[in-house]
Amino acid sequence: MELHLYRTLWGATGDIDAIAAEAAAAGFHGLEGQVPETEAARRQLRDALQRHGLSYIAEVTTAGSYVPARRASVDDHLISLAQRLAWARELGPEFITCIGGCDAWPFTASLRFFREAMALADRDDITISFETHRARSLFNPWITLDFARAMPQMRFTFDFSHWCVVCERLLDSELDILALLAPQAHHVHARVGYDQGPQVPHPGAPEYAEALRAHQHWWEMLWSAMAQRGRQVMTMTPEFGPDGYLHEIPFSRIPVGDLWEINRWMADSERAHFERWREAQARRSA
């Protein structure tokens, strides 16, 4: 089994070729980020990926950015998804991570969205994985379990940091639910949240050791479930980001850390963590 790590484009600044070069030099397998809306930007991204031998996970949001337009209908979300899938096809992604739906919808509306979204992806022969994200249909573990039971073929990109905020606690109290969801895991976003926020200032800080330990335990649950399905490659994206996620010194707007350094630290930590987990799995099966 292998762990393939992807560099997030969220918060990365500068020329896309330089970003890709940094990612390759740091040992990342590829890039993950939103599909560029212009043909020129997509061409630049495609060229950078090819030049540096990187693969790509396409991130797609529906009816808005990370938070959807509140009054957008299911049809609005599906129309925007279809457009972004067409853009994504130009880049030959490994798969699509979709931040879709709306937390305010009734269950039946979200169910229709997910079913039709999967049909759109199937039509285009693209694998789609739906991210657990605040403000979206998968905003908490309990509703996500309802969707998982209704659609056993549904794949999930798990970002547990969002649920820590929504639940206002670490998810060790919900391990039974995580165990039921794990068989449908497809991809992992490695950001460490805590009971009052989606992103600790730095995952290596000793004051957040318990939050890191908890997330790593949950990620192991996902890896184990993937391994049981015969998955040989696990994908993970360290996704510490800006936009209010990164803490700042009051009155200064000075960030308390460097995002690229934090995400590199998270990648290095998870490489070592995955090796420990893989060795433990091998000992158990020996």
Protein backbone atom coordinates (compact mmCIF):
# COMPACT_ATOMS: atom_id res chain seq x y z
CA MET A 1 0.00 0.00 0.00
CA GLU A 2 1.10 3.54 -0.75
CA LEU A 3 0.16 7.03 0.41
CA HIS A 4 0.01 9.67 -2.31
CA LEU A 5 0.07 13.22 -0.97
CA TYR A 6 -1.29 16.20 -2.88
CA ARG A 7 -0.48 19.86 -2.41
CA THR A 8 -3.51 22.09 -2.03
CA LEU A 9 -3.74 25.12 -4.29
CA TRP A 10 -5.95 26.86 -1.70
CA GLY A 11 -3.83 29.65 -0.28
CA ALA A 12 -0.90 28.98 -2.61
CA THR A 13 0.30 32.22 -4.17
CA GLY A 14 2.40 33.04 -7.19
CA ASP A 15 2.99 31.42 -10.53
CA ILE A 16 1.39 27.98 -10.98
CA ASP A 17 4.59 26.59 -12.47
CA ALA A 18 6.57 27.65 -9.38
CA ILE A 19 3.88 26.16 -7.13
CA ALA A 20 4.07 22.88 -9.01
CA ALA A 21 7.86 22.89 -8.87
CA GLU A 22 7.79 23.39 -5.09
CA ALA A 23 5.28 20.56 -4.73
CA ALA A 24 7.40 18.15 -6.77
CA ALA A 25 10.56 19.09 -4.87
CA ALA A 26 8.77 18.47 -1.56
CA GLY A 27 7.73 14.97 -2.63
CA PHE A 28 4.06 15.59 -3.38
CA HIS A 29 2.43 13.29 -5.90
CA GLY A 30 0.20 16.01 -7.35
CA LEU A 31 -1.88 19.12 -6.85
CA GLU A 32 -5.47 19.53 -5.67
CA GLY A 33 -7.49 22.65 -6.26
CA GLN A 34 -10.50 24.26 -7.83
CA VAL A 35 -10.83 23.90 -11.59
CA PRO A 36 -9.80 27.19 -13.21
CA GLU A 37 -12.68 28.97 -14.93
CA THR A 38 -10.73 30.32 -17.89
CA GLU A 39 -9.26 28.30 -20.72
CA ALA A 40 -5.92 30.09 -20.35
CA ALA A 41 -5.64 29.24 -16.66
CA ARG A 42 -6.56 25.62 -17.33
CA ARG A 43 -3.87 25.43 -20.00
CA GLN A 44 -1.29 26.89 -17.62
CA LEU A 45 -2.25 24.37 -14.93
CA ARG A 46 -2.14 21.47 -17.39
CA ASP A 47 1.28 22.54 -18.64
CA ALA A 48 2.64 22.86 -15.09
CA LEU A 49 1.35 19.41 -14.15
CA GLN A 50 2.94 17.82 -17.22
CA ARG A 51 6.23 19.69 -16.83
CA HIS A 52 6.71 18.53 -13.25
CA GLY A 53 5.21 15.05 -13.55
CA LEU A 54 2.31 15.71 -11.19
CA SER A 55 -1.22 14.34 -11.17
CA TYR A 56 -4.31 16.39 -10.32
CA ILE A 57 -7.37 16.12 -8.10
CA ALA A 58 -10.02 18.55 -9.32
CA GLU A 59 -12.01 20.39 -6.69
CA VAL A 60 -15.48 21.50 -7.71
CA THR A 61 -17.90 23.70 -5.78
CA THR A 62 -21.53 24.03 -6.82
CA ALA A 63 -23.61 27.23 -6.93
CA GLY A 64 -20.96 29.43 -5.41
CA SER A 65 -17.63 29.05 -3.71
CA TYR A 66 -17.15 27.12 -0.46
CA VAL A 67 -20.40 28.54 0.90
CA PRO A 68 -23.24 28.15 -1.61
CA ALA A 69 -25.64 30.84 -2.76
CA ARG A 70 -28.40 30.48 -0.18
CA ARG A 71 -31.34 30.55 -2.60
CA ALA A 72 -29.76 28.46 -5.35
CA SER A 73 -31.96 25.53 -6.34
CA VAL A 74 -30.97 21.91 -6.85
CA ASP A 75 -31.07 22.57 -10.58
CA ASP A 76 -28.74 25.56 -10.14
CA HIS A 77 -26.24 23.33 -8.33
CA LEU A 78 -26.45 20.65 -11.01
CA ILE A 79 -25.99 23.16 -13.84
CA SER A 80 -22.86 24.57 -12.21
CA LEU A 81 -21.56 21.05 -11.57
CA ALA A 82 -22.05 20.07 -15.22
CA GLN A 83 -20.09 23.15 -16.34
CA ARG A 84 -17.22 22.46 -13.94
CA LEU A 85 -17.08 18.80 -14.90
CA ALA A 86 -16.61 19.89 -18.52
CA TRP A 87 -13.71 22.12 -17.46
CA ALA A 88 -12.23 19.36 -15.33
CA ARG A 89 -12.22 16.89 -18.23
CA GLU A 90 -9.67 19.10 -20.00
CA LEU A 91 -7.21 18.46 -17.16
CA GLY A 92 -7.54 14.67 -16.89
CA PRO A 93 -7.96 14.55 -13.11
CA GLU A 94 -7.54 11.45 -11.00
CA PHE A 95 -11.03 12.18 -9.66
CA ILE A 96 -13.33 15.02 -8.62
CA THR A 97 -13.81 16.21 -5.06
CA CYS A 98 -17.18 17.95 -4.97
CA ILE A 99 -18.21 20.47 -2.33
CA GLY A 100 -21.91 20.38 -3.10
CA GLY A 101 -25.44 20.89 -1.93
CA CYS A 102 -26.67 23.13 0.88
CA ASP A 103 -27.06 22.56 4.61
CA ALA A 104 -30.49 24.26 4.60
CA TRP A 105 -32.05 21.84 2.13
CA PRO A 106 -34.45 19.12 3.19
CA PHE A 107 -33.07 15.60 2.95
CA THR A 108 -35.00 14.81 -0.23
CA ALA A 109 -33.51 17.79 -2.08
CA SER A 110 -29.95 16.80 -1.16
CA LEU A 111 -30.67 13.18 -2.07
CA ARG A 112 -31.82 14.26 -5.52
CA PHE A 113 -28.70 16.41 -5.93
CA PHE A 114 -26.31 13.59 -5.02
CA ARG A 115 -28.04 11.04 -7.22
CA GLU A 116 -28.07 13.32 -10.25
CA ALA A 117 -24.51 14.52 -9.58
CA MET A 118 -23.27 10.94 -9.59
CA ALA A 119 -25.16 10.33 -12.85
CA LEU A 120 -23.46 13.37 -14.41
CA ALA A 121 -20.04 12.10 -13.35
CA ASP A 122 -20.81 8.59 -14.59
CA ARG A 123 -21.87 10.02 -17.94
CA ASP A 124 -18.49 11.75 -18.20
CA ASP A 125 -16.65 8.67 -16.89
CA ILE A 126 -15.23 10.67 -13.96
CA THR A 127 -15.07 9.43 -10.38
CA ILE A 128 -16.73 11.89 -8.01
CA SER A 129 -16.22 12.04 -4.25
CA PHE A 130 -18.30 14.35 -2.05
CA GLU A 131 -16.57 16.36 0.65
CA THR A 132 -17.82 16.66 4.21
CA HIS A 133 -17.98 20.44 4.49
CA ARG A 134 -19.77 23.06 6.57
CA ALA A 135 -22.60 24.96 4.83
CA ARG A 136 -23.08 21.99 2.49
CA SER A 137 -25.33 18.94 2.55
CA LEU A 138 -22.71 16.80 4.34
CA PHE A 139 -22.27 19.27 7.19
CA ASN A 140 -22.46 16.77 10.06
CA PRO A 141 -21.79 13.05 10.59
CA TRP A 142 -25.38 12.04 11.27
CA ILE A 143 -26.89 13.41 8.07
CA THR A 144 -23.91 12.01 6.14
CA LEU A 145 -24.68 8.56 7.52
CA ASP A 146 -28.26 8.90 6.28
CA PHE A 147 -26.97 9.62 2.76
CA ALA A 148 -24.45 6.78 2.97
CA ARG A 149 -27.21 4.34 3.85
CA ALA A 150 -29.45 5.64 1.06
CA MET A 151 -26.60 5.47 -1.50
CA PRO A 152 -24.04 2.77 -0.67
CA GLN A 153 -22.23 3.58 -3.93
CA MET A 154 -21.57 7.16 -2.81
CA ARG A 155 -17.92 8.10 -2.19
CA PHE A 156 -16.75 10.59 0.42
CA THR A 157 -13.83 12.98 0.78
CA PHE A 158 -13.52 13.19 4.54
CA ASP A 159 -12.47 16.48 6.10
CA PHE A 160 -13.20 15.85 9.75
CA SER A 161 -12.10 19.35 10.78
CA HIS A 162 -15.46 20.74 9.62
CA TRP A 163 -17.37 18.33 11.79
CA CYS A 164 -15.30 19.26 14.85
CA VAL A 165 -16.70 22.78 14.55
CA VAL A 166 -20.28 21.74 13.81
CA CYS A 167 -20.30 19.19 16.64
CA GLU A 168 -18.21 21.48 18.90
CA ARG A 169 -16.08 18.53 20.00
CA LEU A 170 -13.59 16.02 18.77
CA LEU A 171 -15.32 13.09 17.12
CA ASP A 172 -14.09 10.38 19.48
CA SER A 173 -17.65 10.41 20.83
CA GLU A 174 -18.88 9.40 17.34
CA LEU A 175 -16.51 6.54 16.50
CA ASP A 176 -19.43 4.20 15.86
CA ILE A 177 -20.69 6.51 13.12
CA LEU A 178 -17.21 6.98 11.64
CA ALA A 179 -16.84 3.19 11.49
CA LEU A 180 -20.09 2.94 9.53
CA LEU A 181 -19.00 5.68 7.12
CA ALA A 182 -15.41 4.48 6.60
CA PRO A 183 -16.25 1.82 3.99
CA GLN A 184 -17.30 4.61 1.62
CA ALA A 185 -14.15 6.69 2.12
CA HIS A 186 -12.36 7.72 -1.06
CA HIS A 187 -10.05 10.62 -0.15
CA VAL A 188 -8.83 12.47 2.95
CA HIS A 189 -8.20 16.14 3.65
CA ALA A 190 -5.59 16.32 6.37
CA ARG A 191 -6.45 19.44 8.29
CA VAL A 192 -6.58 19.28 12.08
CA GLY A 193 -9.60 20.95 13.63
CA TYR A 194 -10.52 21.36 17.27
CA ASP A 195 -13.68 21.91 19.28
CA GLN A 196 -13.85 25.65 18.53
CA GLY A 197 -12.37 25.88 15.07
CA PRO A 198 -11.61 24.12 11.78
CA GLN A 199 -7.85 24.69 11.92
CA VAL A 200 -5.36 24.61 14.77
CA PRO A 201 -2.62 27.27 14.47
CA HIS A 202 -0.03 24.53 13.90
CA PRO A 203 -0.62 20.75 14.07
CA GLY A 204 2.82 20.23 15.63
CA ALA A 205 2.15 22.49 18.61
CA PRO A 206 2.05 20.48 21.87
CA GLU A 207 -1.11 22.23 23.02
CA TYR A 208 -2.93 20.61 20.07
CA ALA A 209 -1.39 17.15 20.43
CA GLU A 210 -4.73 15.64 21.46
CA ALA A 211 -6.47 17.04 18.38
CA LEU A 212 -3.71 15.68 16.11
CA ARG A 213 -3.86 12.27 17.81
CA ALA A 214 -7.63 12.14 17.37
CA HIS A 215 -7.52 13.01 13.67
CA GLN A 216 -4.78 10.49 13.02
CA HIS A 217 -6.88 7.79 14.68
CA TRP A 218 -9.84 8.66 12.46
CA TRP A 219 -7.63 8.63 9.37
CA GLU A 220 -6.39 5.18 10.33
CA MET A 221 -10.01 4.02 10.44
CA LEU A 222 -10.40 5.21 6.84
CA TRP A 223 -7.14 3.60 5.69
CA SER A 224 -8.16 0.31 7.27
CA ALA A 225 -11.50 0.38 5.51
CA MET A 226 -9.85 1.21 2.18
CA ALA A 227 -7.34 -1.60 2.67
CA GLN A 228 -10.17 -4.04 3.35
CA ARG A 229 -11.66 -3.04 -0.01
CA GLY A 230 -8.33 -3.86 -1.67
CA ARG A 231 -7.26 -0.26 -2.19
CA GLN A 232 -3.52 -0.08 -2.80
CA VAL A 233 -3.14 3.71 -3.04
CA MET A 234 -4.51 6.08 -0.40
CA THR A 235 -4.74 9.76 -1.33
CA MET A 236 -4.46 12.61 1.16
CA THR A 237 -4.21 16.38 0.86
CA PRO A 238 -2.84 18.46 3.75
CA GLU A 239 -5.28 21.37 3.55
CA PHE A 240 -4.44 24.08 6.01
CA GLY A 241 -5.63 27.29 4.41
CA PRO A 242 -6.29 31.04 4.57
CA ASP A 243 -9.61 32.96 4.58
CA GLY A 244 -9.95 33.17 8.35
CA TYR A 245 -8.71 29.62 8.93
CA LEU A 246 -5.13 30.70 9.55
CA HIS A 247 -4.90 32.46 12.90
CA GLU A 248 -3.58 36.04 12.98
CA ILE A 249 -2.02 38.25 15.63
CA PRO A 250 -4.75 40.73 16.77
CA PHE A 251 -4.60 44.27 15.37
CA SER A 252 -1.88 43.31 12.89
CA ARG A 253 -3.31 40.80 10.35
CA ILE A 254 0.04 39.05 10.67
CA PRO A 255 -0.45 35.26 10.30
CA VAL A 256 0.85 33.10 13.14
CA GLY A 257 2.37 30.63 10.70
CA ASP A 258 3.35 30.02 7.08
CA LEU A 259 0.79 27.91 5.21
CA TRP A 260 3.29 26.21 2.93
CA GLU A 261 5.49 25.29 5.91
CA ILE A 262 2.47 24.01 7.85
CA ASN A 263 1.22 21.89 4.95
CA ARG A 264 4.73 20.51 4.36
CA TRP A 265 4.93 19.62 8.06
CA MET A 266 1.57 17.89 7.83
CA ALA A 267 2.71 15.95 4.74
CA ASP A 268 5.96 14.83 6.39
CA SER A 269 4.07 13.86 9.54
CA GLU A 270 1.55 11.78 7.60
CA ARG A 271 4.23 10.01 5.57
CA ALA A 272 5.75 8.82 8.83
CA HIS A 273 2.34 8.09 10.34
CA PHE A 274 1.28 6.02 7.32
CA GLU A 275 4.48 3.96 7.49
CA ARG A 276 3.86 3.23 11.17
CA TRP A 277 0.28 2.22 10.40
CA ARG A 278 1.32 0.06 7.43
CA GLU A 279 3.96 -1.74 9.49
CA ALA A 280 1.42 -2.37 12.24
CA GLN A 281 -1.00 -3.79 9.66
CA ALA A 282 1.70 -6.10 8.33
CA ARG A 283 2.51 -7.38 11.83
CA ARG A 284 -1.14 -8.13 12.49
CA SER A 285 -1.49 -10.12 9.28
CA ALA A 286 1.79 -12.03 9.73
